Each structure stands twice: as structure tokens, then as C-alpha cells.
Protein backbone atom coordinates (compact mmCIF):
# COMPACT_ATOMS: atom_id res chain seq x y z
CA MET A 1 0.00 0.00 0.00
CA SER A 2 1.25 3.50 -0.75
CA ILE A 3 0.00 6.90 0.27
CA ASP A 4 -0.34 8.17 -3.29
CA PRO A 5 -3.16 5.84 -4.46
CA ILE A 6 -4.96 6.44 -1.18
CA VAL A 7 -4.77 10.19 -1.48
CA ASN A 8 -5.60 10.29 -5.19
CA ASN A 9 -8.18 7.55 -5.49
CA ASP A 10 -9.67 7.11 -2.01
CA PRO A 11 -10.39 3.39 -2.64
CA VAL A 12 -13.52 1.72 -1.30
CA GLY A 13 -12.93 0.30 2.18
CA TRP A 14 -10.08 2.60 3.11
CA HIS A 15 -12.32 5.07 4.93
CA GLU A 16 -13.55 2.38 7.30
CA LYS A 17 -10.04 1.33 8.24
CA VAL A 18 -8.85 4.91 8.65
CA ASN A 19 -11.89 5.62 10.81
CA ASP A 20 -10.78 2.78 13.10
CA LEU A 21 -7.19 4.02 13.09
CA LEU A 22 -8.17 7.58 13.99
CA ALA A 23 -10.57 6.43 16.68
CA ALA A 24 -7.76 4.42 18.26
CA TRP A 25 -5.35 7.34 17.87
CA ASP A 26 -7.32 10.31 19.20
CA GLY A 27 -10.66 8.91 20.35
CA GLY A 28 -12.62 11.18 17.98
CA ALA A 29 -15.72 10.42 15.95
CA ALA A 30 -15.38 9.03 12.42
CA PRO A 31 -14.61 11.71 9.80
CA THR A 32 -17.43 12.37 7.35
CA SER A 33 -15.20 12.98 4.31
CA PHE A 34 -11.77 12.17 2.98
CA GLY A 35 -10.76 15.78 3.58
CA ALA A 36 -11.68 15.49 7.23
CA ALA A 37 -9.72 12.25 7.49
CA LEU A 38 -6.70 13.94 5.91
CA VAL A 39 -6.81 16.75 8.46
CA ARG A 40 -6.69 14.24 11.30
CA LEU A 41 -3.99 12.15 9.65
CA ASN A 42 -1.92 15.32 9.39
CA ALA A 43 -2.53 15.97 13.07
CA MET A 44 -1.37 12.44 13.76
CA ALA A 45 1.76 13.10 11.68
CA ASP A 46 2.41 16.28 13.68
CA ASP A 47 2.08 14.32 16.91
CA LEU A 48 4.77 11.94 15.64
CA SER A 49 6.98 14.79 14.40
CA LEU A 50 6.46 13.53 10.83
CA PRO A 51 5.76 15.69 7.79
CA THR A 52 2.17 16.22 6.71
CA MET A 53 0.64 13.94 4.10
CA GLU A 54 1.08 16.54 1.37
CA SER A 55 4.87 16.61 1.80
CA LEU A 56 5.50 12.89 2.17
CA ASP A 57 6.57 12.41 -1.46
CA SER A 58 9.93 14.02 -0.72
CA THR A 59 10.66 12.02 2.45
CA ALA A 60 10.45 8.34 1.61
CA VAL A 61 11.48 7.04 5.01
CA LYS A 62 8.86 9.04 6.88
CA ARG A 63 6.26 8.22 4.24
CA ALA A 64 7.04 4.56 4.94
CA LYS A 65 6.35 5.15 8.63
CA ILE A 66 2.88 6.52 7.93
CA ASN A 67 2.25 3.77 5.37
CA GLY A 68 3.36 1.22 7.93
CA LEU A 69 1.08 2.69 10.57
CA ILE A 70 -1.93 2.51 8.26
CA SER A 71 -1.18 -0.89 6.71
CA THR A 72 -0.31 -2.46 10.06
CA TYR A 73 -3.55 -1.27 11.58
CA MET A 74 -5.48 -2.33 8.49
CA SER A 75 -4.03 -5.84 8.66
CA GLY A 76 -5.34 -6.18 12.20
CA ASP A 77 -3.53 -9.40 12.96
CA TRP A 78 0.00 -8.37 11.93
CA MET A 79 2.57 -9.65 14.44
CA PRO A 80 6.37 -9.45 14.54
CA VAL A 81 6.71 -13.22 14.07
CA VAL A 82 6.15 -12.69 10.32
CA LEU A 83 9.62 -11.10 10.16
CA GLY A 84 11.00 -14.63 9.75
CA SER A 85 14.76 -14.97 10.27
CA SER A 86 15.03 -11.26 11.13
CA ILE A 87 13.37 -11.81 14.52
CA LYS A 88 15.57 -13.54 17.09
CA ALA A 89 13.37 -13.42 20.21
CA PHE A 90 10.02 -11.99 21.27
CA TRP A 91 8.66 -11.91 24.81
CA SER A 92 5.08 -10.63 25.03
CA ALA A 93 2.99 -10.02 28.15
CA ASP A 94 -0.05 -10.64 25.94
CA ARG A 95 0.93 -14.31 25.56
CA THR A 96 -0.43 -15.75 28.79
CA ASP A 97 0.19 -19.26 27.46
CA LEU A 98 3.93 -18.56 27.74
CA ILE A 99 3.85 -17.02 31.24
CA THR A 100 3.86 -19.10 34.43
CA LEU A 101 2.53 -17.49 37.59
CA SER A 102 2.63 -18.13 41.31
CA GLY A 103 -0.41 -16.09 42.27
CA THR A 104 0.32 -12.95 40.28
CA GLN A 105 4.12 -13.30 40.47
CA VAL A 106 5.90 -14.29 37.28
CA THR A 107 8.10 -17.36 37.72
CA SER A 108 8.70 -18.04 34.01
CA TRP A 109 8.37 -15.93 30.85
CA LYS A 110 9.01 -17.75 27.56
CA ASP A 111 9.61 -16.11 24.25
CA VAL A 112 7.33 -16.72 21.28
CA ILE A 113 10.03 -17.73 18.76
CA ALA A 114 11.84 -20.62 20.44
CA GLY A 115 10.62 -20.79 24.04
CA TYR A 116 13.66 -18.99 25.48
CA ASP A 117 12.77 -18.95 29.17
CA MET A 118 13.55 -16.10 31.57
CA VAL A 119 12.88 -17.34 35.11
CA GLN A 120 12.87 -16.15 38.71
CA ALA A 121 12.84 -18.63 41.61
CA VAL A 122 13.00 -16.06 44.44
CA SER A 123 9.54 -14.86 45.45
CA GLY A 124 10.66 -11.38 46.53
CA ALA A 125 12.45 -10.75 43.24
CA ARG A 126 9.62 -11.73 40.90
CA PRO A 127 7.82 -9.12 38.82
CA VAL A 128 4.02 -9.22 38.78
CA TRP A 129 1.83 -9.92 35.76
CA SER A 130 -1.17 -7.63 35.27
CA ALA A 131 -4.01 -8.30 32.85
CA ASP A 132 -4.71 -4.59 32.34
CA GLY A 133 -1.80 -2.67 33.87
CA PHE A 134 -0.63 -1.18 30.58
CA ASN A 135 -3.47 1.26 29.95
CA GLY A 136 -5.87 -1.69 29.80
CA ALA A 137 -3.44 -4.14 28.17
CA PRO A 138 -1.32 -6.86 29.82
CA ALA A 139 2.11 -6.11 31.26
CA VAL A 140 4.86 -7.47 33.49
CA ASP A 141 5.43 -5.04 36.38
CA TYR A 142 8.91 -4.54 37.92
CA ASP A 143 9.19 -2.85 41.33
CA GLY A 144 12.39 -0.81 40.79
CA ILE A 145 14.05 -2.54 43.76
CA ASP A 146 15.14 -6.06 42.83
CA ASP A 147 12.63 -7.62 40.42
CA GLN A 148 14.25 -9.36 37.47
CA MET A 149 13.94 -12.35 35.13
CA THR A 150 17.04 -14.18 33.90
CA LEU A 151 17.89 -16.69 31.20
CA THR A 152 21.25 -18.36 31.83
CA GLY A 153 23.35 -18.36 28.69
CA VAL A 154 22.70 -16.42 25.48
CA PRO A 155 20.95 -18.34 22.67
CA LEU A 156 23.05 -18.95 19.56
CA SER A 157 20.60 -17.01 17.40
CA PHE A 158 21.18 -13.77 19.35
CA PRO A 159 23.58 -11.15 18.00
CA ILE A 160 26.76 -11.51 20.10
CA GLY A 161 30.39 -10.56 19.67
CA SER A 162 30.39 -7.77 17.11
CA ASP A 163 27.16 -8.96 15.45
CA PRO A 164 24.74 -6.16 14.48
CA GLY A 165 21.23 -6.26 15.92
CA GLU A 166 18.38 -4.32 17.45
CA MET A 167 16.30 -4.32 20.64
CA TRP A 168 12.70 -3.12 20.55
CA ILE A 169 10.90 -2.68 23.88
CA VAL A 170 7.43 -1.38 24.69
CA PHE A 171 7.47 -0.22 28.31
CA ASP A 172 5.87 2.08 30.87
CA ASN A 173 8.60 3.94 32.77
CA GLU A 174 7.39 4.89 36.26
CA ALA A 175 10.64 6.41 37.56
CA ALA A 176 10.50 10.08 38.56
CA GLY A 177 12.20 12.63 36.34
CA ALA A 178 14.59 13.52 39.15
CA ASP A 179 15.62 9.86 39.57
CA THR A 180 19.17 9.81 38.19
CA THR A 181 19.72 6.07 38.70
CA THR A 182 20.59 4.37 35.42
CA ARG A 183 18.00 1.62 35.19
CA ARG A 184 18.31 -1.36 32.84
CA VAL A 185 15.10 -2.32 31.08
CA PHE A 186 16.67 -5.24 29.23
CA ASN A 187 20.23 -6.45 28.65
CA TYR A 188 22.25 -9.47 27.72
CA GLY A 189 25.85 -10.63 27.37
CA GLY A 190 28.44 -10.90 30.13
CA THR A 191 28.25 -9.56 33.68
CA THR A 192 29.63 -6.03 33.12
CA ASN A 193 28.94 -3.03 30.90
CA ASN A 194 32.13 -3.88 29.03
CA ASN A 195 30.84 -7.18 27.60
CA SER A 196 27.08 -6.70 27.32
CA ARG A 197 24.49 -4.62 25.48
CA ALA A 198 21.57 -2.86 27.19
CA LEU A 199 18.67 -0.46 26.87
CA THR A 200 18.61 1.96 29.80
CA LEU A 201 16.67 4.82 31.40
CA ALA A 202 17.85 7.62 33.69
CA GLY A 203 16.84 11.08 34.84
CA VAL A 204 18.80 13.90 33.18
CA SER A 205 18.19 17.46 34.39
CA GLY A 206 14.85 16.42 35.87
CA THR A 207 13.55 14.46 32.85
CA GLN A 208 13.70 10.74 32.16
CA ARG A 209 15.81 9.93 29.09
CA LEU A 210 16.35 6.80 27.02
CA GLY A 211 19.87 5.47 26.63
CA GLY A 212 21.79 2.38 25.66
CA TYR A 213 25.25 0.94 25.60
CA VAL A 214 27.38 -1.82 24.14
CA GLY A 215 30.68 -3.00 25.56
CA ASN A 216 33.80 -3.41 23.43
CA GLY A 217 35.60 -5.64 25.92
CA ALA A 218 37.54 -2.85 27.62
CA SER A 219 34.87 -0.18 28.06
CA ALA A 220 31.28 0.62 27.17
CA GLY A 221 30.13 2.87 24.34
CA PHE A 222 27.06 4.84 25.37
CA SER A 223 24.52 6.15 22.88
CA ALA A 224 23.54 9.76 22.53
CA VAL A 225 20.31 10.58 24.37
CA PRO A 226 17.16 11.30 22.33
CA PRO A 227 15.69 14.69 23.36
CA VAL A 228 12.34 13.11 24.27
CA ASP A 229 10.81 12.54 27.70
CA ALA A 230 11.11 8.77 28.27
CA SER A 231 8.65 8.56 31.15
CA GLY A 232 5.31 6.82 30.76
CA ARG A 233 4.37 4.42 27.96
CA ARG A 234 7.06 4.37 25.28
CA ALA A 235 8.35 2.31 22.37
CA ALA A 236 12.15 2.20 22.28
CA ARG A 237 14.67 0.99 19.73
CA LEU A 238 18.33 0.23 20.39
CA GLN A 239 20.49 -0.40 17.33
CA ILE A 240 23.97 -1.91 17.57
CA ASP A 241 25.86 -1.89 14.28
CA GLY A 242 29.51 -0.91 14.63
CA GLY A 243 28.42 1.24 17.56
CA VAL A 244 25.22 2.09 19.40
CA ALA A 245 22.27 4.41 18.73
CA THR A 246 18.75 4.76 20.14
CA ALA A 247 15.31 5.99 19.09
CA ILE A 248 12.02 6.47 20.92
CA ASP A 249 8.42 6.54 19.70
CA GLY A 250 9.37 6.48 16.02
CA SER A 251 12.06 9.16 16.18
CA ASP A 252 15.17 8.98 14.01
CA LEU A 253 18.13 7.13 15.51
CA THR A 254 20.59 9.24 17.45
CA THR A 255 24.06 9.75 16.03
CA LYS A 256 25.92 6.47 16.41
CA ALA A 257 28.53 6.20 19.15
CA VAL A 258 31.14 4.24 17.21
CA THR A 259 32.72 1.22 18.91
CA THR A 260 33.33 -2.45 18.14
CA PRO A 261 30.92 -4.59 20.20
CA ALA A 262 32.32 -7.54 22.15
CA THR A 263 29.18 -9.10 23.63
CA THR A 264 29.72 -12.38 25.48
CA ASP A 265 27.18 -15.11 26.26
CA THR A 266 26.61 -15.39 30.02
CA MET A 267 22.98 -14.33 30.47
CA VAL A 268 19.84 -12.57 29.25
CA ARG A 269 18.00 -10.41 31.80
CA SER A 270 14.97 -8.13 32.03
CA GLY A 271 14.40 -5.61 34.80
CA LEU A 272 17.93 -5.47 36.21
CA GLY A 273 21.48 -5.04 34.93
CA VAL A 274 23.59 -8.10 34.17
CA SER A 275 25.90 -6.84 36.93
CA GLY A 276 23.01 -6.81 39.43
CA THR A 277 22.51 -3.02 39.42
CA GLY A 278 19.99 -0.58 37.95
CA PRO A 279 16.56 -2.13 38.65
CA PHE A 280 13.85 -1.05 36.22
CA ASN A 281 10.85 0.72 37.75
CA GLY A 282 7.82 0.14 35.56
CA LYS A 283 6.04 -2.24 33.23
CA ILE A 284 7.09 -4.14 30.14
CA ARG A 285 4.61 -5.21 27.49
CA HIS A 286 6.91 -6.50 24.75
CA ILE A 287 10.62 -7.24 24.28
CA MET A 288 11.90 -8.05 20.81
CA LEU A 289 15.36 -8.77 19.41
CA THR A 290 15.90 -8.51 15.67
CA GLY A 291 18.56 -8.14 13.04
CA ILE A 292 19.05 -4.69 11.52
CA LEU A 293 15.66 -3.68 10.10
CA ALA A 294 15.01 -1.50 7.07
CA GLY A 295 12.32 -0.71 4.52
CA ASP A 296 8.88 -2.24 5.00
CA ASP A 297 9.97 -4.38 7.95
CA LEU A 298 11.23 -1.33 9.83
CA ALA A 299 8.07 0.65 9.03
CA LYS A 300 5.79 -2.13 10.21
CA VAL A 301 7.70 -2.83 13.42
CA TRP A 302 7.80 0.89 14.21
CA ALA A 303 4.06 1.14 13.54
CA TRP A 304 3.22 -1.97 15.54
CA THR A 305 5.21 -0.83 18.60
CA GLU A 306 3.64 2.63 18.37
CA ILE A 307 0.14 1.13 18.42
CA GLN A 308 1.08 -1.27 21.22
CA ARG A 309 2.46 1.46 23.47
CA ARG A 310 -0.78 3.39 23.19
CA ALA A 311 -2.73 0.21 24.08
């Protein structure tokens, strides 16, 4: 699907799908004309810091993001598993069949792709599963003190060493803006910053900011910080490809901090650093590891995470 045929021809059936999309986006009533729909789609583009529909022809990447948002919503049942070999792991709080509980405490959380199992045997360190804690959607809730889930060893399919790859996480960050603790949402590799890769959050000048790092064996290369408040429900992307860069809620990647990754294979962990520091304070809905995404795959994953974070 492309924007041009939609704008020029307004095909039968598109209005109904766009009505659903706009209702999910801003809660408004269905537009009564294509012109009214276009106004609201432009407002949606503004909200995402994208160009308006009229200017999309000159910005192919951002046009793909809007196309992905529309086509992903129109498909209804699109899921990241259709990425094939590009998706390495996918933990989803929506998949109750892959979550084991003791009461409401999570003792086991298996990924959708190969059953990779993050576990927690200690009652006081287990996060809690909620059926509606993510704005009405399911989530795994970490207390910001010691909750964490760990998989011993790193699966062979994961990007390690200097392999390129991406992390995509849909989370609800409940840490205060003034909280300067660097909190690890998800990480894997060895037991230090120098041999692992992680997506992080921390307060900077009173505002929560997204970050990330990858170790090169001797030190850690830290990404630039996107200038976006990272508190609340967010969709984050960490890209490691000869360095590290981050993006949040569909923004462009930050300038890459160049380094040669040297990720080892000791553990995979959510909610706490591999070194045992930086507990995450908030909820996780989805964690996904992929290869480097581009084109339609990137547009659809971006669109899917954006819809999921809004629940």
C-alpha cells in the first residue's frame, strides 16, 4: 500500500479502516469525508513529528512510517513473528500461554520464537503480571528494587560478539524525572557493561531519558540521548551496528557512538542489569530482538510498537 493511491483515489474500504485508526489514535468520531480524514492524519503526523501527508513524497522514510502505521492497523492481525529470520526473540505479556505465575508473580516468561525462558525462583524478586496494567493491556510489572527475570546463557541465534542487531521494547517507565539512577530495562551478554548490550533509562536534568550501551571488551560505548521525555508508555529501539544508537516513539536514531561490540554469552535479563545493578521501575509489554531492520519491515515494526504502546 502506498500513500499516493490512497490520497488520489480514495479506494472503497479505506475510509472504514482509517476511521478505526483515527478512533484508536485520538478517540474522535469518524470523519465524514476524505478531507476530514486527511486533516486528522496530518494531526497524527504532527504528533509523531512527521511531515504532513502533502509533503510525504519528498521524504520516503517518513512516508514509509505513515504507510506502515496505516497498513499495520489495516491488517489487524500483523505480528512481529512474520519477520522470519530477522526476529531472534520476542517476549510478550499478551501471551499468557507462555507465562507461568505463582499467584500474580511471574516465575517463568518464555519467548514466542523458540521458548527462550527467563525465570525467577526467588519470590521477593519476581515481577508481577497484570491483565490490564498497561493502559488496559497486559504487562509485566517490575518494582524498581530487585525484580528481574534471567535466562542463563545467550541463545546462539542472538547477536553476540560484534554482530549487528536491534532491541525493541514497549514499556511504561514509572521512575520520577529527578531519579538519576541508570536503570536497565533489558540487557544481555556478560556480567559487566564492558561485555554486554543494554537499553537503559535515567533522569537527566529532571527528565527521564532513554539510553543504551554496548561493551567493546575494555569499556562501554554509550549512545547519545534522544531529546524526548522517556517517562510513561514508550516504544524504544536500540540499534547496535559498529556502535550504538537509540530511538524512541518512532524518532530517528541518534548519532551512532562508534565502537566495536564484544558481547559475550553469560545471560539474558529483564528488569535489572547483568551486573546486578539498575533495577527497572515500571512495566514491560513487549521485548523483541531482531537483526538490523530496514524498509517495509522497519516501518511495520515501528508502527506496531507505536500502536502497542498506546494500548
